[in-house]
Amino acid sequence: MKKALDFLKDLERNNNKSWFDENRKRYEEAKNEFINRVVDHI
């Protein structure tokens, strides 16, 4: 879950399209980590 939380903290400070485009891979990894955590708890 650390990747997801770190990504969200960075996104809060850099909420613009160019930063997001540069960090899209991190977004995908964070999203997948979060989804897997949720599924594990269902």
Protein backbone atom coordinates (compact mmCIF):
# COMPACT_ATOMS: atom_id res chain seq x y z
CA MET A 1 0.00 0.00 0.00
CA LYS A 2 3.04 2.26 0.36
CA LYS A 3 3.29 2.87 -3.40
CA ALA A 4 -0.32 4.01 -3.52
CA LEU A 5 0.03 6.36 -0.57
CA ASP A 6 3.34 7.78 -1.80
CA PHE A 7 1.84 8.39 -5.24
CA LEU A 8 -1.18 10.17 -3.77
CA LYS A 9 1.03 12.41 -1.61
CA ASP A 10 3.13 13.34 -4.64
CA LEU A 11 0.01 13.89 -6.74
CA GLU A 12 -1.35 16.29 -4.12
CA ARG A 13 1.79 18.44 -4.54
CA ASN A 14 1.95 18.09 -8.34
CA ASN A 15 -1.64 18.00 -9.53
CA ASN A 16 -1.07 18.81 -13.19
CA LYS A 17 -1.21 16.88 -16.44
CA SER A 18 2.48 17.04 -17.31
CA TRP A 19 3.51 15.58 -13.93
CA PHE A 20 0.83 12.91 -14.18
CA ASP A 21 1.91 11.95 -17.70
CA GLU A 22 5.51 11.61 -16.49
CA ASN A 23 4.34 9.44 -13.57
CA ARG A 24 1.71 7.33 -15.32
CA LYS A 25 3.67 4.13 -14.65
CA ARG A 26 3.69 4.93 -10.92
CA TYR A 27 -0.06 5.55 -11.13
CA GLU A 28 -0.65 2.15 -12.71
CA GLU A 29 1.49 0.42 -10.08
CA ALA A 30 -0.24 2.26 -7.24
CA LYS A 31 -3.68 1.52 -8.66
CA ASN A 32 -2.89 -2.18 -9.03
CA GLU A 33 -1.45 -2.34 -5.51
CA PHE A 34 -4.61 -0.75 -4.11
CA ILE A 35 -6.95 -3.01 -6.08
CA ASN A 36 -5.04 -6.10 -4.98
CA ARG A 37 -5.23 -5.00 -1.34
CA VAL A 38 -8.97 -4.46 -1.58
CA VAL A 39 -9.53 -7.81 -3.28
CA ASP A 40 -7.46 -9.56 -0.62
CA HIS A 41 -9.83 -8.21 2.03
CA ILE A 42 -13.05 -9.20 0.29
